[in-house]
Amino acid sequence: MLFFKKKVKVSDANIQQNKYAIEELAGSIDSIVAGMENQEFIKRMRDIQEKIKYFNPTCDQRALDLDKKISDLIGDIKIEVVKNKEESAQEKIGGMITRIEMLVPDRNNFATSKRKA
C-alpha cells in the first residue's frame, strides 16, 4: 500500500501581500531621504532602496523576519532624521544604515517560494 504526503498549497495571496510590503518598504525610503542632509547617507539609502525593490516575494518565515528587521531599522532611521540633526544622531543613523546593508544580502538569498507543510 502506498501513502502519499498531502501537499498544502499556500495561497498566492500571501505572496502578493509580501510583494506589497516590499513595495511599501522601498517607497518609505523616499520620505527619509527627503529629510536627510548627509549626501553619503542619501546615496547609501538610495542603494538600499534599489536592492529592496528587487526582493523576491516569499512566504519563507526567515525572509519575512529579515523584512521585519529591515523595516524596523528604516522606521528608526526615519525617527532619527526627523528628531535630531546633531552629530550623535548622525553616527546612530550611519550605524543603522550599515546594519541594513548587512541584512539586505541575506534577504536576497530567498527566492520566490511557496512553503509546503
N, C-alpha and C. Protein backbone atom coordinates (compact mmCIF):
# COMPACT_ATOMS: atom_id res chain seq x y z
N MET A 1 0.83 -1.16 0.00
CA MET A 1 0.00 0.00 0.00
C MET A 1 0.89 1.25 0.00
N LEU A 2 0.58 2.20 -0.86
CA LEU A 2 1.35 3.43 -0.97
C LEU A 2 0.64 4.58 -0.26
N PHE A 3 1.43 5.36 0.43
CA PHE A 3 0.89 6.55 1.08
C PHE A 3 1.59 7.77 0.50
N PHE A 4 0.82 8.75 0.21
CA PHE A 4 1.38 9.98 -0.33
C PHE A 4 1.15 11.11 0.66
N LYS A 5 2.15 11.92 0.81
CA LYS A 5 2.01 13.08 1.69
C LYS A 5 1.19 14.14 0.96
N LYS A 6 0.19 14.62 1.63
CA LYS A 6 -0.67 15.64 1.03
C LYS A 6 0.07 16.97 1.03
N LYS A 7 0.10 17.62 -0.13
CA LYS A 7 0.72 18.93 -0.23
C LYS A 7 -0.31 20.00 0.10
N VAL A 8 0.10 20.90 0.95
CA VAL A 8 -0.78 22.01 1.33
C VAL A 8 -0.34 23.23 0.54
N LYS A 9 -1.25 23.80 -0.22
CA LYS A 9 -0.92 24.97 -1.01
C LYS A 9 -1.03 26.23 -0.18
N VAL A 10 -0.03 27.05 -0.29
CA VAL A 10 -0.10 28.37 0.32
C VAL A 10 -0.68 29.27 -0.75
N SER A 11 -1.67 30.02 -0.38
CA SER A 11 -2.33 30.83 -1.38
C SER A 11 -1.40 31.90 -1.92
N ASP A 12 -1.67 32.27 -3.14
CA ASP A 12 -0.90 33.34 -3.76
C ASP A 12 -1.13 34.67 -3.06
N ALA A 13 -2.17 34.74 -2.25
CA ALA A 13 -2.45 35.97 -1.52
C ALA A 13 -1.32 36.31 -0.55
N ASN A 14 -0.71 35.29 0.05
CA ASN A 14 0.41 35.54 0.97
C ASN A 14 1.62 36.10 0.24
N ILE A 15 1.88 35.56 -0.94
CA ILE A 15 2.98 36.06 -1.76
C ILE A 15 2.67 37.50 -2.19
N GLN A 16 1.44 37.74 -2.60
CA GLN A 16 1.03 39.07 -3.03
C GLN A 16 1.14 40.08 -1.89
N GLN A 17 0.77 39.65 -0.70
CA GLN A 17 0.86 40.51 0.49
C GLN A 17 2.32 40.90 0.75
N ASN A 18 3.23 39.94 0.63
CA ASN A 18 4.64 40.23 0.83
C ASN A 18 5.16 41.16 -0.27
N LYS A 19 4.66 41.00 -1.48
CA LYS A 19 5.05 41.87 -2.59
C LYS A 19 4.68 43.32 -2.28
N TYR A 20 3.46 43.54 -1.78
CA TYR A 20 3.02 44.90 -1.43
C TYR A 20 3.86 45.46 -0.28
N ALA A 21 4.19 44.61 0.68
CA ALA A 21 5.01 45.06 1.82
C ALA A 21 6.40 45.50 1.34
N ILE A 22 6.96 44.78 0.39
CA ILE A 22 8.27 45.13 -0.16
C ILE A 22 8.19 46.47 -0.89
N GLU A 23 7.13 46.66 -1.69
CA GLU A 23 6.96 47.92 -2.41
C GLU A 23 6.81 49.09 -1.44
N GLU A 24 6.06 48.87 -0.37
CA GLU A 24 5.86 49.91 0.64
C GLU A 24 7.17 50.24 1.35
N LEU A 25 7.95 49.21 1.65
CA LEU A 25 9.23 49.39 2.31
C LEU A 25 10.18 50.22 1.44
N ALA A 26 10.25 49.89 0.16
CA ALA A 26 11.11 50.64 -0.76
C ALA A 26 10.62 52.08 -0.90
N GLY A 27 9.31 52.27 -0.94
CA GLY A 27 8.74 53.61 -1.07
C GLY A 27 8.96 54.48 0.14
N SER A 28 9.03 53.88 1.32
CA SER A 28 9.19 54.65 2.55
C SER A 28 10.56 55.34 2.61
N ILE A 29 11.50 54.85 1.85
CA ILE A 29 12.84 55.44 1.86
C ILE A 29 12.83 56.84 1.24
N ASP A 30 11.91 57.10 0.30
CA ASP A 30 11.83 58.43 -0.31
C ASP A 30 11.61 59.53 0.72
N SER A 31 10.71 59.29 1.66
CA SER A 31 10.43 60.32 2.67
C SER A 31 11.60 60.51 3.62
N ILE A 32 12.35 59.45 3.86
CA ILE A 32 13.52 59.56 4.73
C ILE A 32 14.61 60.39 4.05
N VAL A 33 14.87 60.07 2.79
CA VAL A 33 15.92 60.76 2.04
C VAL A 33 15.59 62.25 1.91
N ALA A 34 14.32 62.58 1.79
CA ALA A 34 13.91 63.99 1.67
C ALA A 34 14.33 64.81 2.88
N GLY A 35 14.41 64.18 4.05
CA GLY A 35 14.78 64.89 5.27
C GLY A 35 16.26 64.83 5.60
N MET A 36 17.02 64.08 4.83
CA MET A 36 18.45 63.92 5.10
C MET A 36 19.26 65.04 4.46
N GLU A 37 20.36 65.37 5.12
CA GLU A 37 21.28 66.36 4.57
C GLU A 37 22.61 65.73 4.16
N ASN A 38 22.98 64.64 4.82
CA ASN A 38 24.25 63.97 4.57
C ASN A 38 24.19 63.24 3.22
N GLN A 39 24.98 63.69 2.25
CA GLN A 39 24.94 63.13 0.90
C GLN A 39 25.38 61.66 0.85
N GLU A 40 26.31 61.28 1.71
CA GLU A 40 26.73 59.88 1.76
C GLU A 40 25.57 58.99 2.20
N PHE A 41 24.84 59.43 3.24
CA PHE A 41 23.69 58.65 3.73
C PHE A 41 22.61 58.57 2.66
N ILE A 42 22.40 59.66 1.94
CA ILE A 42 21.38 59.67 0.88
C ILE A 42 21.74 58.64 -0.19
N LYS A 43 23.00 58.61 -0.60
CA LYS A 43 23.43 57.65 -1.62
C LYS A 43 23.27 56.22 -1.11
N ARG A 44 23.67 55.97 0.12
CA ARG A 44 23.56 54.62 0.69
C ARG A 44 22.10 54.19 0.80
N MET A 45 21.23 55.09 1.20
CA MET A 45 19.80 54.76 1.32
C MET A 45 19.20 54.50 -0.06
N ARG A 46 19.62 55.26 -1.07
CA ARG A 46 19.13 55.02 -2.44
C ARG A 46 19.60 53.65 -2.95
N ASP A 47 20.83 53.28 -2.61
CA ASP A 47 21.33 51.96 -3.00
C ASP A 47 20.51 50.85 -2.33
N ILE A 48 20.22 51.05 -1.06
CA ILE A 48 19.39 50.08 -0.32
C ILE A 48 18.01 50.00 -0.95
N GLN A 49 17.44 51.15 -1.27
CA GLN A 49 16.11 51.19 -1.87
C GLN A 49 16.08 50.39 -3.18
N GLU A 50 17.11 50.57 -3.99
CA GLU A 50 17.17 49.87 -5.27
C GLU A 50 17.23 48.35 -5.05
N LYS A 51 17.97 47.92 -4.05
CA LYS A 51 18.07 46.48 -3.77
C LYS A 51 16.76 45.93 -3.22
N ILE A 52 16.08 46.70 -2.38
CA ILE A 52 14.81 46.26 -1.81
C ILE A 52 13.76 46.09 -2.90
N LYS A 53 13.78 46.96 -3.89
CA LYS A 53 12.81 46.87 -4.99
C LYS A 53 12.84 45.51 -5.66
N TYR A 54 14.01 44.86 -5.64
CA TYR A 54 14.16 43.59 -6.34
C TYR A 54 14.15 42.38 -5.41
N PHE A 55 13.68 42.56 -4.17
CA PHE A 55 13.48 41.41 -3.29
C PHE A 55 12.43 40.50 -3.92
N ASN A 56 12.63 39.20 -3.79
CA ASN A 56 11.64 38.25 -4.27
C ASN A 56 10.56 38.08 -3.21
N PRO A 57 9.30 38.26 -3.58
CA PRO A 57 8.21 38.00 -2.62
C PRO A 57 8.24 36.52 -2.23
N THR A 58 8.01 36.24 -0.97
CA THR A 58 8.10 34.87 -0.48
C THR A 58 7.20 34.66 0.73
N CYS A 59 7.01 33.41 1.07
CA CYS A 59 6.29 33.05 2.30
C CYS A 59 7.25 32.49 3.33
N ASP A 60 8.52 32.40 3.00
CA ASP A 60 9.52 31.84 3.90
C ASP A 60 9.62 32.71 5.16
N GLN A 61 9.42 32.11 6.31
CA GLN A 61 9.40 32.86 7.57
C GLN A 61 10.72 33.55 7.86
N ARG A 62 11.82 32.93 7.47
CA ARG A 62 13.14 33.56 7.70
C ARG A 62 13.26 34.85 6.91
N ALA A 63 12.78 34.85 5.67
CA ALA A 63 12.81 36.05 4.85
C ALA A 63 11.88 37.12 5.42
N LEU A 64 10.72 36.68 5.89
CA LEU A 64 9.78 37.63 6.49
C LEU A 64 10.35 38.26 7.75
N ASP A 65 11.11 37.48 8.51
CA ASP A 65 11.77 38.01 9.71
C ASP A 65 12.81 39.06 9.33
N LEU A 66 13.56 38.81 8.26
CA LEU A 66 14.54 39.78 7.79
C LEU A 66 13.84 41.05 7.29
N ASP A 67 12.72 40.87 6.59
CA ASP A 67 11.94 42.03 6.14
C ASP A 67 11.52 42.89 7.33
N LYS A 68 11.11 42.24 8.40
CA LYS A 68 10.67 42.96 9.61
C LYS A 68 11.84 43.72 10.23
N LYS A 69 13.00 43.08 10.32
CA LYS A 69 14.17 43.74 10.89
C LYS A 69 14.56 44.96 10.06
N ILE A 70 14.55 44.80 8.74
CA ILE A 70 14.90 45.91 7.85
C ILE A 70 13.87 47.03 7.99
N SER A 71 12.61 46.66 8.03
CA SER A 71 11.54 47.65 8.18
C SER A 71 11.67 48.41 9.50
N ASP A 72 11.97 47.69 10.57
CA ASP A 72 12.14 48.34 11.88
C ASP A 72 13.30 49.32 11.87
N LEU A 73 14.41 48.93 11.25
CA LEU A 73 15.58 49.82 11.16
C LEU A 73 15.27 51.05 10.32
N ILE A 74 14.54 50.88 9.23
CA ILE A 74 14.16 52.02 8.39
C ILE A 74 13.25 52.96 9.18
N GLY A 75 12.35 52.39 9.97
CA GLY A 75 11.49 53.22 10.82
C GLY A 75 12.30 53.99 11.86
N ASP A 76 13.31 53.33 12.44
CA ASP A 76 14.17 54.00 13.42
C ASP A 76 14.96 55.13 12.78
N ILE A 77 15.43 54.90 11.56
CA ILE A 77 16.16 55.96 10.84
C ILE A 77 15.24 57.15 10.60
N LYS A 78 14.01 56.86 10.20
CA LYS A 78 13.06 57.94 9.94
C LYS A 78 12.84 58.79 11.19
N ILE A 79 12.72 58.14 12.33
CA ILE A 79 12.54 58.86 13.59
C ILE A 79 13.76 59.74 13.88
N GLU A 80 14.95 59.18 13.71
CA GLU A 80 16.18 59.93 13.99
C GLU A 80 16.35 61.11 13.05
N VAL A 81 15.99 60.93 11.79
CA VAL A 81 16.12 62.01 10.81
C VAL A 81 15.21 63.17 11.18
N VAL A 82 14.00 62.85 11.58
CA VAL A 82 13.03 63.89 11.95
C VAL A 82 13.38 64.54 13.28
N LYS A 83 13.83 63.74 14.22
CA LYS A 83 14.05 64.19 15.60
C LYS A 83 15.34 64.96 15.79
N ASN A 84 16.40 64.50 15.22
CA ASN A 84 17.73 65.05 15.54
C ASN A 84 18.53 65.38 14.30
N LYS A 85 19.28 66.45 14.39
CA LYS A 85 20.25 66.80 13.36
C LYS A 85 21.66 66.86 13.98
N GLU A 86 21.76 66.45 15.24
CA GLU A 86 23.03 66.51 15.95
C GLU A 86 24.01 65.46 15.43
N GLU A 87 25.28 65.65 15.74
CA GLU A 87 26.33 64.74 15.31
C GLU A 87 26.12 63.32 15.84
N SER A 88 25.69 63.22 17.11
CA SER A 88 25.47 61.89 17.70
C SER A 88 24.37 61.14 16.96
N ALA A 89 23.35 61.86 16.51
CA ALA A 89 22.27 61.24 15.75
C ALA A 89 22.79 60.77 14.39
N GLN A 90 23.69 61.53 13.80
CA GLN A 90 24.27 61.16 12.51
C GLN A 90 25.06 59.85 12.63
N GLU A 91 25.78 59.69 13.72
CA GLU A 91 26.53 58.45 13.95
C GLU A 91 25.57 57.28 14.12
N LYS A 92 24.49 57.52 14.83
CA LYS A 92 23.49 56.47 15.06
C LYS A 92 22.83 56.07 13.74
N ILE A 93 22.50 57.06 12.91
CA ILE A 93 21.89 56.79 11.61
C ILE A 93 22.86 55.99 10.74
N GLY A 94 24.13 56.38 10.74
CA GLY A 94 25.14 55.65 9.97
C GLY A 94 25.24 54.20 10.39
N GLY A 95 25.17 53.94 11.69
CA GLY A 95 25.21 52.57 12.19
C GLY A 95 24.00 51.76 11.76
N MET A 96 22.83 52.39 11.77
CA MET A 96 21.61 51.69 11.35
C MET A 96 21.65 51.38 9.85
N ILE A 97 22.16 52.32 9.06
CA ILE A 97 22.28 52.07 7.62
C ILE A 97 23.22 50.90 7.37
N THR A 98 24.32 50.85 8.11
CA THR A 98 25.27 49.75 7.98
C THR A 98 24.60 48.41 8.31
N ARG A 99 23.78 48.38 9.36
CA ARG A 99 23.08 47.14 9.72
C ARG A 99 22.13 46.71 8.59
N ILE A 100 21.44 47.67 8.00
CA ILE A 100 20.54 47.33 6.88
C ILE A 100 21.36 46.78 5.72
N GLU A 101 22.48 47.42 5.43
CA GLU A 101 23.34 46.95 4.34
C GLU A 101 23.83 45.52 4.58
N MET A 102 23.96 45.13 5.83
CA MET A 102 24.37 43.76 6.15
C MET A 102 23.21 42.77 6.02
N LEU A 103 21.98 43.21 6.27
CA LEU A 103 20.81 42.33 6.20
C LEU A 103 20.33 42.11 4.76
N VAL A 104 20.48 43.12 3.92
CA VAL A 104 19.94 43.04 2.55
C VAL A 104 20.49 41.84 1.76
N PRO A 105 21.80 41.58 1.77
CA PRO A 105 22.28 40.40 1.01
C PRO A 105 21.69 39.09 1.54
N ASP A 106 21.50 38.99 2.85
CA ASP A 106 20.89 37.77 3.40
C ASP A 106 19.47 37.61 2.88
N ARG A 107 18.74 38.72 2.81
CA ARG A 107 17.35 38.66 2.34
C ARG A 107 17.29 38.32 0.85
N ASN A 108 18.28 38.75 0.08
CA ASN A 108 18.29 38.47 -1.35
C ASN A 108 18.49 37.00 -1.67
N ASN A 109 18.91 36.21 -0.68
CA ASN A 109 19.13 34.78 -0.90
C ASN A 109 17.84 33.98 -1.03
N PHE A 110 16.71 34.59 -0.69
CA PHE A 110 15.45 33.86 -0.72
C PHE A 110 14.74 34.07 -2.04
N ALA A 111 14.45 32.96 -2.70
CA ALA A 111 13.72 33.03 -3.97
C ALA A 111 12.23 33.02 -3.67
N THR A 112 11.46 33.39 -4.66
CA THR A 112 10.00 33.31 -4.52
C THR A 112 9.67 31.85 -4.27
N SER A 113 8.96 31.62 -3.19
CA SER A 113 8.68 30.23 -2.84
C SER A 113 7.33 30.12 -2.19
N LYS A 114 6.78 28.95 -2.34
CA LYS A 114 5.55 28.61 -1.65
C LYS A 114 5.91 27.51 -0.66
N ARG A 115 5.67 27.79 0.59
CA ARG A 115 6.05 26.84 1.65
C ARG A 115 5.12 25.65 1.62
N LYS A 116 5.69 24.49 1.86
CA LYS A 116 4.89 23.25 1.94
C LYS A 116 4.85 22.80 3.38
N ALA A 117 3.71 22.33 3.80
CA ALA A 117 3.56 21.86 5.18
C ALA A 117 3.56 20.36 5.21
